[in-house]
C-alpha atoms as a PDB file:
ATOM      1  CA  UNK A   1      20.940   8.206  16.241  1.00  0.00           C
ATOM      2  CA  UNK A   2      19.315   5.319  14.364  1.00  0.00           C
ATOM      3  CA  UNK A   3      17.621   2.729  16.531  1.00  0.00           C
ATOM      4  CA  UNK A   4      18.012  -0.807  15.170  1.00  0.00           C
ATOM      5  CA  UNK A   5      15.749  -3.812  15.542  1.00  0.00           C
ATOM      6  CA  UNK A   6      17.268  -6.721  17.557  1.00  0.00           C
ATOM      7  CA  UNK A   7      18.792  -9.314  15.259  1.00  0.00           C
ATOM      8  CA  UNK A   8      18.091 -12.456  17.290  1.00  0.00           C
ATOM      9  CA  UNK A   9      15.843 -13.967  19.943  1.00  0.00           C
ATOM     10  CA  UNK A  10      16.725 -12.483  23.325  1.00  0.00           C
ATOM     11  CA  UNK A  11      15.430 -10.156  26.027  1.00  0.00           C
ATOM     12  CA  UNK A  12      16.130  -7.142  23.805  1.00  0.00           C
ATOM     13  CA  UNK A  13      13.786  -8.526  21.150  1.00  0.00           C
ATOM     14  CA  UNK A  14      11.066  -9.097  23.751  1.00  0.00           C
ATOM     15  CA  UNK A  15      11.422  -5.530  25.028  1.00  0.00           C
ATOM     16  CA  UNK A  16      11.352  -4.138  21.486  1.00  0.00           C
ATOM     17  CA  UNK A  17       8.121  -6.032  20.744  1.00  0.00           C
ATOM     18  CA  UNK A  18       6.434  -4.717  23.899  1.00  0.00           C
ATOM     19  CA  UNK A  19       7.521  -1.165  23.088  1.00  0.00           C
ATOM     20  CA  UNK A  20       6.349  -1.514  19.485  1.00  0.00           C
ATOM     21  CA  UNK A  21       2.874  -2.772  20.371  1.00  0.00           C
ATOM     22  CA  UNK A  22       2.497  -0.044  22.984  1.00  0.00           C
ATOM     23  CA  UNK A  23       3.365   2.662  20.439  1.00  0.00           C
ATOM     24  CA  UNK A  24       0.967   1.316  17.826  1.00  0.00           C
ATOM     25  CA  UNK A  25      -1.825   0.988  20.373  1.00  0.00           C
ATOM     26  CA  UNK A  26      -1.599   4.690  21.179  1.00  0.00           C
ATOM     27  CA  UNK A  27      -1.527   5.622  17.496  1.00  0.00           C
ATOM     28  CA  UNK A  28      -4.666   3.649  16.675  1.00  0.00           C
ATOM     29  CA  UNK A  29      -6.723   5.675  19.114  1.00  0.00           C
ATOM     30  CA  UNK A  30      -5.498   9.072  17.957  1.00  0.00           C
ATOM     31  CA  UNK A  31      -4.735   8.839  14.233  1.00  0.00           C
ATOM     32  CA  UNK A  32      -6.921   6.472  12.229  1.00  0.00           C
ATOM     33  CA  UNK A  33      -8.443   8.938   9.751  1.00  0.00           C
ATOM     34  CA  UNK A  34      -7.646   8.262   6.110  1.00  0.00           C
ATOM     35  CA  UNK A  35      -5.596  11.258   4.967  1.00  0.00           C
ATOM     36  CA  UNK A  36      -4.209   9.600   1.845  1.00  0.00           C
ATOM     37  CA  UNK A  37      -5.432  10.259  -1.694  1.00  0.00           C
ATOM     38  CA  UNK A  38      -6.808   6.714  -1.952  1.00  0.00           C
ATOM     39  CA  UNK A  39      -9.994   5.061  -0.775  1.00  0.00           C
ATOM     40  CA  UNK A  40     -10.107   2.424   1.946  1.00  0.00           C
ATOM     41  CA  UNK A  41     -13.034   0.168   2.807  1.00  0.00           C
ATOM     42  CA  UNK A  42     -12.380   1.329   6.363  1.00  0.00           C
ATOM     43  CA  UNK A  43     -13.568   4.805   5.337  1.00  0.00           C
ATOM     44  CA  UNK A  44     -17.186   3.676   5.427  1.00  0.00           C
ATOM     45  CA  UNK A  45     -16.976   3.016   9.182  1.00  0.00           C
ATOM     46  CA  UNK A  46     -17.312   5.735  11.783  1.00  0.00           C
ATOM     47  CA  UNK A  47     -14.326   6.624  13.950  1.00  0.00           C
ATOM     48  CA  UNK A  48     -15.382   4.555  16.959  1.00  0.00           C
ATOM     49  CA  UNK A  49     -15.958   1.383  14.934  1.00  0.00           C
ATOM     50  CA  UNK A  50     -12.821   1.849  12.860  1.00  0.00           C
ATOM     51  CA  UNK A  51     -10.763   2.213  16.032  1.00  0.00           C
ATOM     52  CA  UNK A  52     -12.438  -0.834  17.537  1.00  0.00           C
ATOM     53  CA  UNK A  53     -11.720  -2.967  14.470  1.00  0.00           C
ATOM     54  CA  UNK A  54      -8.059  -1.954  14.278  1.00  0.00           C
ATOM     55  CA  UNK A  55      -7.685  -2.630  17.996  1.00  0.00           C
ATOM     56  CA  UNK A  56      -9.173  -6.097  17.466  1.00  0.00           C
ATOM     57  CA  UNK A  57      -6.593  -6.717  14.747  1.00  0.00           C
ATOM     58  CA  UNK A  58      -3.739  -5.605  16.992  1.00  0.00           C
ATOM     59  CA  UNK A  59      -5.009  -7.639  19.944  1.00  0.00           C
ATOM     60  CA  UNK A  60      -5.431 -10.800  17.873  1.00  0.00           C
ATOM     61  CA  UNK A  61      -2.021 -10.288  16.310  1.00  0.00           C
ATOM     62  CA  UNK A  62      -0.415 -10.131  19.755  1.00  0.00           C
ATOM     63  CA  UNK A  63      -2.017 -13.484  20.524  1.00  0.00           C
ATOM     64  CA  UNK A  64      -0.834 -14.904  17.205  1.00  0.00           C
ATOM     65  CA  UNK A  65       2.771 -13.859  17.838  1.00  0.00           C
ATOM     66  CA  UNK A  66       2.720 -15.371  21.343  1.00  0.00           C
ATOM     67  CA  UNK A  67       1.216 -18.616  20.026  1.00  0.00           C
ATOM     68  CA  UNK A  68       3.832 -18.936  17.300  1.00  0.00           C
ATOM     69  CA  UNK A  69       6.631 -18.289  19.790  1.00  0.00           C
ATOM     70  CA  UNK A  70       5.160 -20.844  22.181  1.00  0.00           C
ATOM     71  CA  UNK A  71       5.020 -23.652  19.602  1.00  0.00           C
ATOM     72  CA  UNK A  72       8.641 -22.914  18.668  1.00  0.00           C
ATOM     73  CA  UNK A  73       7.893 -22.633  14.958  1.00  0.00           C
ATOM     74  CA  UNK A  74      10.854 -22.923  12.616  1.00  0.00           C
ATOM     75  CA  UNK A  75      11.582 -20.100  10.217  1.00  0.00           C
ATOM     76  CA  UNK A  76      11.272 -22.338   7.154  1.00  0.00           C
ATOM     77  CA  UNK A  77       7.833 -23.486   8.318  1.00  0.00           C
ATOM     78  CA  UNK A  78       6.761 -19.891   8.877  1.00  0.00           C
ATOM     79  CA  UNK A  79       7.780 -18.936   5.339  1.00  0.00           C
ATOM     80  CA  UNK A  80       5.935 -21.908   3.903  1.00  0.00           C
ATOM     81  CA  UNK A  81       2.654 -21.308   5.711  1.00  0.00           C
ATOM     82  CA  UNK A  82       2.649 -17.516   6.131  1.00  0.00           C
ATOM     83  CA  UNK A  83      -0.124 -17.079   3.564  1.00  0.00           C
ATOM     84  CA  UNK A  84      -2.359 -19.614   5.323  1.00  0.00           C
ATOM     85  CA  UNK A  85      -1.539 -18.089   8.704  1.00  0.00           C
ATOM     86  CA  UNK A  86      -2.648 -14.700   7.414  1.00  0.00           C
ATOM     87  CA  UNK A  87      -5.960 -15.975   6.057  1.00  0.00           C
ATOM     88  CA  UNK A  88      -6.768 -17.912   9.213  1.00  0.00           C
ATOM     89  CA  UNK A  89      -5.878 -14.805  11.198  1.00  0.00           C
ATOM     90  CA  UNK A  90      -8.224 -12.658   9.083  1.00  0.00           C
ATOM     91  CA  UNK A  91     -11.021 -15.186   9.550  1.00  0.00           C
ATOM     92  CA  UNK A  92     -10.610 -15.353  13.338  1.00  0.00           C
ATOM     93  CA  UNK A  93     -10.477 -11.574  13.675  1.00  0.00           C
ATOM     94  CA  UNK A  94     -13.471 -11.201  11.364  1.00  0.00           C
ATOM     95  CA  UNK A  95     -15.485 -13.697  13.405  1.00  0.00           C
ATOM     96  CA  UNK A  96     -14.637 -11.889  16.631  1.00  0.00           C
ATOM     97  CA  UNK A  97     -15.496  -8.490  15.192  1.00  0.00           C
ATOM     98  CA  UNK A  98     -18.898  -9.410  13.713  1.00  0.00           C
ATOM     99  CA  UNK A  99     -20.067 -10.847  17.035  1.00  0.00           C
ATOM    100  CA  UNK A 100     -20.769  -7.229  17.941  1.00  0.00           C
ATOM    101  CA  UNK A 101     -23.521  -7.138  15.313  1.00  0.00           C
ATOM    102  CA  UNK A 102     -26.659  -9.204  15.157  1.00  0.00           C
ATOM    103  CA  UNK A 103     -26.637  -9.889  11.436  1.00  0.00           C
ATOM    104  CA  UNK A 104     -26.926 -13.419  10.044  1.00  0.00           C
ATOM    105  CA  UNK A 105     -25.824 -12.411   6.534  1.00  0.00           C
ATOM    106  CA  UNK A 106     -22.328 -11.701   7.835  1.00  0.00           C
ATOM    107  CA  UNK A 107     -21.676 -15.292   8.830  1.00  0.00           C
ATOM    108  CA  UNK A 108     -20.075 -18.134   6.905  1.00  0.00           C
ATOM    109  CA  UNK A 109     -17.798 -16.014   4.731  1.00  0.00           C
ATOM    110  CA  UNK A 110     -14.705 -18.161   5.131  1.00  0.00           C
ATOM    111  CA  UNK A 111     -14.352 -18.798   1.400  1.00  0.00           C
ATOM    112  CA  UNK A 112     -14.500 -15.078   0.662  1.00  0.00           C
ATOM    113  CA  UNK A 113     -11.826 -14.401   3.252  1.00  0.00           C
ATOM    114  CA  UNK A 114      -9.599 -17.143   1.889  1.00  0.00           C
ATOM    115  CA  UNK A 115      -9.665 -15.373  -1.479  1.00  0.00           C
ATOM    116  CA  UNK A 116      -8.048 -12.237  -0.006  1.00  0.00           C
ATOM    117  CA  UNK A 117      -4.744 -11.286  -1.585  1.00  0.00           C
ATOM    118  CA  UNK A 118      -1.602 -11.458   0.495  1.00  0.00           C
ATOM    119  CA  UNK A 119      -0.398  -7.849   0.582  1.00  0.00           C
ATOM    120  CA  UNK A 120       0.173  -7.447   4.291  1.00  0.00           C
ATOM    121  CA  UNK A 121       3.853  -8.562   4.242  1.00  0.00           C
ATOM    122  CA  UNK A 122       3.068 -10.810   7.201  1.00  0.00           C
ATOM    123  CA  UNK A 123       5.936 -13.174   6.401  1.00  0.00           C
ATOM    124  CA  UNK A 124       8.561 -10.487   7.001  1.00  0.00           C
ATOM    125  CA  UNK A 125       6.740  -8.947   9.944  1.00  0.00           C
ATOM    126  CA  UNK A 126       6.462 -12.255  11.804  1.00  0.00           C
ATOM    127  CA  UNK A 127      10.101 -13.020  11.043  1.00  0.00           C
ATOM    128  CA  UNK A 128      11.183  -9.743  12.632  1.00  0.00           C
ATOM    129  CA  UNK A 129       8.975 -10.266  15.679  1.00  0.00           C
ATOM    130  CA  UNK A 130       9.726 -13.936  16.328  1.00  0.00           C
ATOM    131  CA  UNK A 131      13.292 -14.464  15.137  1.00  0.00           C
ATOM    132  CA  UNK A 132      14.799 -10.995  14.900  1.00  0.00           C
ATOM    133  CA  UNK A 133      16.281  -9.392  11.808  1.00  0.00           C
ATOM    134  CA  UNK A 134      18.994 -12.030  11.244  1.00  0.00           C
ATOM    135  CA  UNK A 135      16.503 -14.369   9.530  1.00  0.00           C
ATOM    136  CA  UNK A 136      15.485 -11.833   6.881  1.00  0.00           C
ATOM    137  CA  UNK A 137      16.896 -12.524   3.427  1.00  0.00           C
ATOM    138  CA  UNK A 138      19.431  -9.775   2.687  1.00  0.00           C
ATOM    139  CA  UNK A 139      18.008  -9.381  -0.835  1.00  0.00           C
ATOM    140  CA  UNK A 140      14.517  -8.423   0.342  1.00  0.00           C
ATOM    141  CA  UNK A 141      15.066  -4.920   1.712  1.00  0.00           C
ATOM    142  CA  UNK A 142      17.524  -2.180   0.903  1.00  0.00           C
ATOM    143  CA  UNK A 143      19.568  -2.462   4.100  1.00  0.00           C
ATOM    144  CA  UNK A 144      21.512  -5.257   5.749  1.00  0.00           C
ATOM    145  CA  UNK A 145      19.309  -7.460   7.984  1.00  0.00           C
ATOM    146  CA  UNK A 146      21.477  -6.927  11.073  1.00  0.00           C
ATOM    147  CA  UNK A 147      21.049  -3.178  10.677  1.00  0.00           C
ATOM    148  CA  UNK A 148      17.295  -3.055  10.220  1.00  0.00           C
ATOM    149  CA  UNK A 149      15.927   0.236  11.586  1.00  0.00           C
ATOM    150  CA  UNK A 150      13.318  -0.049  14.332  1.00  0.00           C
ATOM    151  CA  UNK A 151      11.151   2.257  12.230  1.00  0.00           C
ATOM    152  CA  UNK A 152      11.086  -0.320   9.420  1.00  0.00           C
ATOM    153  CA  UNK A 153       9.414  -2.936  11.621  1.00  0.00           C
ATOM    154  CA  UNK A 154       7.088  -0.289  12.995  1.00  0.00           C
ATOM    155  CA  UNK A 155       5.749   0.714   9.580  1.00  0.00           C
ATOM    156  CA  UNK A 156       5.391  -2.944   8.583  1.00  0.00           C
ATOM    157  CA  UNK A 157       3.174  -3.503  11.619  1.00  0.00           C
ATOM    158  CA  UNK A 158       1.150  -0.362  10.881  1.00  0.00           C
ATOM    159  CA  UNK A 159       0.673  -1.523   7.303  1.00  0.00           C
ATOM    160  CA  UNK A 160      -0.364  -4.999   8.441  1.00  0.00           C
ATOM    161  CA  UNK A 161      -3.009  -3.693  10.852  1.00  0.00           C
ATOM    162  CA  UNK A 162      -4.543  -1.326   8.293  1.00  0.00           C
ATOM    163  CA  UNK A 163      -4.417  -3.903   5.490  1.00  0.00           C
ATOM    164  CA  UNK A 164      -6.101  -6.588   7.606  1.00  0.00           C
ATOM    165  CA  UNK A 165      -8.706  -4.155   8.945  1.00  0.00           C
ATOM    166  CA  UNK A 166      -9.413  -3.043   5.396  1.00  0.00           C
ATOM    167  CA  UNK A 167      -9.763  -6.654   4.208  1.00  0.00           C
ATOM    168  CA  UNK A 168     -12.221  -7.448   6.996  1.00  0.00           C
ATOM    169  CA  UNK A 169     -14.326  -4.400   6.122  1.00  0.00           C
ATOM    170  CA  UNK A 170     -14.203  -5.424   2.468  1.00  0.00           C
ATOM    171  CA  UNK A 171     -15.524  -8.888   3.333  1.00  0.00           C
ATOM    172  CA  UNK A 172     -18.358  -7.341   5.352  1.00  0.00           C
ATOM    173  CA  UNK A 173     -19.337  -4.992   2.510  1.00  0.00           C
ATOM    174  CA  UNK A 174     -19.153  -7.714  -0.141  1.00  0.00           C
ATOM    175  CA  UNK A 175     -21.159 -10.180   1.947  1.00  0.00           C
ATOM    176  CA  UNK A 176     -24.064  -7.725   2.138  1.00  0.00           C
ATOM    177  CA  UNK A 177     -24.372  -8.063  -1.673  1.00  0.00           C
ATOM    178  CA  UNK A 178     -26.215  -4.818  -2.485  1.00  0.00           C
ATOM    179  CA  UNK A 179     -26.349  -1.148  -1.586  1.00  0.00           C
ATOM    180  CA  UNK A 180     -29.639  -1.332   0.288  1.00  0.00           C
ATOM    181  CA  UNK A 181     -28.339  -4.093   2.575  1.00  0.00           C
ATOM    182  CA  UNK A 182     -25.099  -2.218   3.176  1.00  0.00           C
ATOM    183  CA  UNK A 183     -26.913   0.982   4.073  1.00  0.00           C
ATOM    184  CA  UNK A 184     -29.420  -0.802   6.317  1.00  0.00           C
ATOM    185  CA  UNK A 185     -26.729  -2.746   8.147  1.00  0.00           C
ATOM    186  CA  UNK A 186     -24.493   0.277   8.718  1.00  0.00           C
ATOM    187  CA  UNK A 187     -27.337   2.428  10.015  1.00  0.00           C
ATOM    188  CA  UNK A 188     -28.902  -0.306  12.132  1.00  0.00           C
ATOM    189  CA  UNK A 189     -25.552  -1.125  13.721  1.00  0.00           C
ATOM    190  CA  UNK A 190     -24.730   2.571  14.162  1.00  0.00           C
ATOM    191  CA  UNK A 191     -21.291   2.153  12.602  1.00  0.00           C
ATOM    192  CA  UNK A 192     -21.679   4.287   9.476  1.00  0.00           C
ATOM    193  CA  UNK A 193     -19.465   7.198   8.541  1.00  0.00           C
ATOM    194  CA  UNK A 194     -21.712  10.252   8.134  1.00  0.00           C
ATOM    195  CA  UNK A 195     -20.292  10.819   4.655  1.00  0.00           C
ATOM    196  CA  UNK A 196     -21.909   7.582   3.459  1.00  0.00           C
ATOM    197  CA  UNK A 197     -25.426   7.638   4.849  1.00  0.00           C
ATOM    198  CA  UNK A 198     -27.307   7.517   1.536  1.00  0.00           C
ATOM    199  CA  UNK A 199     -27.573   4.779  -1.073  1.00  0.00           C
ATOM    200  CA  UNK A 200     -26.100   7.073  -3.711  1.00  0.00           C
ATOM    201  CA  UNK A 201     -23.027   7.904  -1.635  1.00  0.00           C
ATOM    202  CA  UNK A 202     -22.447   4.195  -0.958  1.00  0.00           C
ATOM    203  CA  UNK A 203     -22.749   3.378  -4.674  1.00  0.00           C
ATOM    204  CA  UNK A 204     -20.189   6.070  -5.506  1.00  0.00           C
ATOM    205  CA  UNK A 205     -17.927   4.826  -2.722  1.00  0.00           C
ATOM    206  CA  UNK A 206     -17.981   1.175  -3.834  1.00  0.00           C
ATOM    207  CA  UNK A 207     -17.586   2.113  -7.509  1.00  0.00           C
ATOM    208  CA  UNK A 208     -14.576   4.272  -6.676  1.00  0.00           C
ATOM    209  CA  UNK A 209     -13.050   1.382  -4.751  1.00  0.00           C
ATOM    210  CA  UNK A 210     -13.570  -1.014  -7.663  1.00  0.00           C
ATOM    211  CA  UNK A 211     -12.109   1.427 -10.174  1.00  0.00           C
ATOM    212  CA  UNK A 212      -9.180   2.138  -7.855  1.00  0.00           C
ATOM    213  CA  UNK A 213      -8.527  -1.597  -7.461  1.00  0.00           C
ATOM    214  CA  UNK A 214      -8.543  -2.081 -11.237  1.00  0.00           C
ATOM    215  CA  UNK A 215      -6.143   0.801 -11.905  1.00  0.00           C
ATOM    216  CA  UNK A 216      -3.926  -0.276  -9.048  1.00  0.00           C
ATOM    217  CA  UNK A 217      -3.792  -3.890 -10.187  1.00  0.00           C
ATOM    218  CA  UNK A 218      -2.969  -3.242 -13.837  1.00  0.00           C
ATOM    219  CA  UNK A 219      -0.930  -0.040 -13.667  1.00  0.00           C
ATOM    220  CA  UNK A 220       0.420   1.023 -10.283  1.00  0.00           C
ATOM    221  CA  UNK A 221       1.136  -2.479  -9.006  1.00  0.00           C
ATOM    222  CA  UNK A 222       2.975  -3.354 -12.203  1.00  0.00           C
ATOM    223  CA  UNK A 223       5.010  -0.143 -12.057  1.00  0.00           C
ATOM    224  CA  UNK A 224       5.824  -0.833  -8.413  1.00  0.00           C
ATOM    225  CA  UNK A 225       6.844  -4.371  -9.293  1.00  0.00           C
ATOM    226  CA  UNK A 226       9.043  -3.082 -12.098  1.00  0.00           C
ATOM    227  CA  UNK A 227      10.679  -0.546  -9.756  1.00  0.00           C
ATOM    228  CA  UNK A 228      10.940  -3.104  -6.930  1.00  0.00           C
ATOM    229  CA  UNK A 229       8.954  -1.151  -4.409  1.00  0.00           C
ATOM    230  CA  UNK A 230       5.625  -1.530  -2.653  1.00  0.00           C
ATOM    231  CA  UNK A 231       3.037   0.864  -1.361  1.00  0.00           C
ATOM    232  CA  UNK A 232       2.328   0.488   2.326  1.00  0.00           C
ATOM    233  CA  UNK A 233      -0.057   2.135   4.755  1.00  0.00           C
ATOM    234  CA  UNK A 234       1.396   4.025   7.689  1.00  0.00           C
ATOM    235  CA  UNK A 235      -0.122   5.876  10.624  1.00  0.00           C
ATOM    236  CA  UNK A 236       1.283   9.388  10.606  1.00  0.00           C
ATOM    237  CA  UNK A 237       0.577  12.332  12.868  1.00  0.00           C
ATOM    238  CA  UNK A 238      -2.287  13.436  10.621  1.00  0.00           C
ATOM    239  CA  UNK A 239      -3.748   9.962  10.121  1.00  0.00           C
ATOM    240  CA  UNK A 240      -3.440   7.068   7.671  1.00  0.00           C
ATOM    241  CA  UNK A 241      -1.062   7.827   4.801  1.00  0.00           C
ATOM    242  CA  UNK A 242       0.677   5.922   2.017  1.00  0.00           C
ATOM    243  CA  UNK A 243       4.378   5.422   1.542  1.00  0.00           C
ATOM    244  CA  UNK A 244       6.603   3.408  -0.773  1.00  0.00           C
ATOM    245  CA  UNK A 245       9.371   1.143   0.460  1.00  0.00           C
ATOM    246  CA  UNK A 246      11.978  -0.782  -1.489  1.00  0.00           C
ATOM    247  CA  UNK A 247      11.335  -4.521  -1.527  1.00  0.00           C
ATOM    248  CA  UNK A 248      12.515  -7.285  -3.818  1.00  0.00           C
ATOM    249  CA  UNK A 249       9.500  -8.748  -5.629  1.00  0.00           C
ATOM    250  CA  UNK A 250      11.147 -11.489  -7.617  1.00  0.00           C
ATOM    251  CA  UNK A 251       8.568 -14.118  -6.611  1.00  0.00           C
ATOM    252  CA  UNK A 252       5.654 -11.987  -7.771  1.00  0.00           C
ATOM    253  CA  UNK A 253       7.260 -11.219 -11.124  1.00  0.00           C
ATOM    254  CA  UNK A 254       7.238 -14.925 -11.981  1.00  0.00           C
ATOM    255  CA  UNK A 255       3.455 -15.136 -11.609  1.00  0.00           C
ATOM    256  CA  UNK A 256       2.426 -12.147 -13.698  1.00  0.00           C
ATOM    257  CA  UNK A 257      -0.459 -12.306 -16.147  1.00  0.00           C
ATOM    258  CA  UNK A 258       0.276 -11.746 -19.838  1.00  0.00           C
ATOM    259  CA  UNK A 259      -1.188  -8.248 -19.920  1.00  0.00           C
ATOM    260  CA  UNK A 260       0.992  -7.209 -16.987  1.00  0.00           C
ATOM    261  CA  UNK A 261       4.064  -8.689 -18.657  1.00  0.00           C
ATOM    262  CA  UNK A 262       3.265  -6.594 -21.737  1.00  0.00           C
ATOM    263  CA  UNK A 263       3.006  -3.487 -19.570  1.00  0.00           C
ATOM    264  CA  UNK A 264       6.385  -4.216 -17.963  1.00  0.00           C
ATOM    265  CA  UNK A 265       7.857  -4.725 -21.440  1.00  0.00           C
ATOM    266  CA  UNK A 266       6.448  -1.341 -22.420  1.00  0.00           C
ATOM    267  CA  UNK A 267       8.068   0.214 -19.337  1.00  0.00           C
ATOM    268  CA  UNK A 268      11.391  -1.335 -20.339  1.00  0.00           C
ATOM    269  CA  UNK A 269      11.074   0.056 -23.859  1.00  0.00           C
ATOM    270  CA  UNK A 270      10.021   3.436 -22.497  1.00  0.00           C
ATOM    271  CA  UNK A 271      13.023   3.597 -20.173  1.00  0.00           C
ATOM    272  CA  UNK A 272      15.339   2.602 -22.997  1.00  0.00           C
ATOM    273  CA  UNK A 273      14.094   4.749 -25.865  1.00  0.00           C
ATOM    274  CA  UNK A 274      12.206   7.707 -24.383  1.00  0.00           C
ATOM    275  CA  UNK A 275      15.330   9.417 -22.951  1.00  0.00           C
ATOM    276  CA  UNK A 276      17.060   9.090 -26.335  1.00  0.00           C
ATOM    277  CA  UNK A 277      14.017  10.403 -28.181  1.00  0.00           C
ATOM    278  CA  UNK A 278      13.796  13.310 -25.734  1.00  0.00           C
ATOM    279  CA  UNK A 279      17.453  14.167 -26.359  1.00  0.00           C
ATOM    280  CA  UNK A 280      16.883  14.004 -30.115  1.00  0.00           C
ATOM    281  CA  UNK A 281      13.838  16.276 -29.915  1.00  0.00           C
ATOM    282  CA  UNK A 282      15.709  18.766 -27.723  1.00  0.00           C
ATOM    283  CA  UNK A 283      18.632  18.757 -30.152  1.00  0.00           C
ATOM    284  CA  UNK A 284      16.335  19.288 -33.139  1.00  0.00           C
ATOM    285  CA  UNK A 285      14.600  22.115 -31.298  1.00  0.00           C
ATOM    286  CA  UNK A 286      17.968  23.749 -30.570  1.00  0.00           C
ATOM    287  CA  UNK A 287      18.954  23.584 -34.239  1.00  0.00           C
ATOM    288  CA  UNK A 288      15.573  24.918 -35.279  1.00  0.00           C
ATOM    289  CA  UNK A 289      15.846  27.771 -32.784  1.00  0.00           C
ATOM    290  CA  UNK A 290      19.391  28.554 -33.914  1.00  0.00           C
ATOM    291  CA  UNK A 291      18.363  28.595 -37.580  1.00  0.00           C
ATOM    292  CA  UNK A 292      15.285  30.699 -36.825  1.00  0.00           C
ATOM    293  CA  UNK A 293      17.331  33.280 -34.929  1.00  0.00           C
ATOM    294  CA  UNK A 294      19.916  33.425 -37.710  1.00  0.00           C
ATOM    295  CA  UNK A 295      17.234  33.738 -40.352  1.00  0.00           C
ATOM    296  CA  UNK A 296      15.507  36.481 -38.395  1.00  0.00           C
ATOM    297  CA  UNK A 297      18.800  38.337 -37.832  1.00  0.00           C
ATOM    298  CA  UNK A 298      19.796  38.113 -41.480  1.00  0.00           C
ATOM    299  CA  UNK A 299      16.347  39.263 -42.557  1.00  0.00           C
ATOM    300  CA  UNK A 300      16.595  42.320 -40.298  1.00  0.00           C
ATOM    301  CA  UNK A 301      20.061  43.140 -41.641  1.00  0.00           C
ATOM    302  CA  UNK A 302      18.857  42.878 -45.236  1.00  0.00           C
ATOM    303  CA  UNK A 303      15.852  45.093 -44.508  1.00  0.00           C
ATOM    304  CA  UNK A 304      18.065  47.690 -42.842  1.00  0.00           C
ATOM    305  CA  UNK A 305      20.458  47.691 -45.809  1.00  0.00           C
ATOM    306  CA  UNK A 306      17.571  48.042 -48.248  1.00  0.00           C
ATOM    307  CA  UNK A 307      16.175  50.962 -46.263  1.00  0.00           C
ATOM    308  CA  UNK A 308      19.576  52.655 -46.172  1.00  0.00           C
ATOM    309  CA  UNK A 309      20.001  52.136 -49.889  1.00  0.00           C
ATOM    310  CA  UNK A 310      16.637  53.738 -50.694  1.00  0.00           C
ATOM    311  CA  UNK A 311      17.302  56.611 -48.311  1.00  0.00           C
ATOM    312  CA  UNK A 312      20.560  57.392 -50.108  1.00  0.00           C
ATOM    313  CA  UNK A 313      18.832  57.290 -53.440  1.00  0.00           C
END
């Protein structure tokens, strides 16, 4: 039986939120290894630190939700300022997390944090948690708002926590400016993943992340936009995995760069003409095969007749 998320503010919504946070809290302790085929900045942290960071994110997010409920924020206001809310949230969580480390170079990175892209879907997540599913635009997701599965909100929260934790780690890495500083800081703070204890391994790690970001931005993101879906991070039984969900991305499509528009145009052309070209090639191949078989058969028959003729002679 499908469990649905409450569609309005009431005691059922409050209970669902408590249950949701409790479930995620347990998952963060047990399953925060990256088991996807993609790199995360979080990968450079050891298990203890990664768990601690994600728990900070969850704890601060609980506080954020309670604060927004307390000030009785309107849904329209939430939609308008969701991007700013996210960036302020990242900054506050970042500040709290780095207090564990005595490193002056990690301070005053507010501008860097404010440049983070909004990929956490915080607008929809906060809407579900504060107002219930009735306030979600019916065009956004594949199902009717009043019949939003509980699991949908759960994976949105998992994605949010991992995305924010990853952004915070990214800010830390970028603020250290070079490989030597990164390596020194990680070792001195005892937060380094054993896979990345040398300068060379850190260089490879950061280069892979940059290349992945480039490919993702100009190819996979555009394809996802074209197909109206988005990759999200989820916490499975094995660890952190990726999954695609359907989501309307009409707003994003209006702000595409020229090169991305060209790529989408190419996808349109490909979808229109490639199937027809494939059919044509298959048809030509069938005719060629048919003619080849006939030619071969006729050649054999002629050879047999010639042999019979000479045998009679």
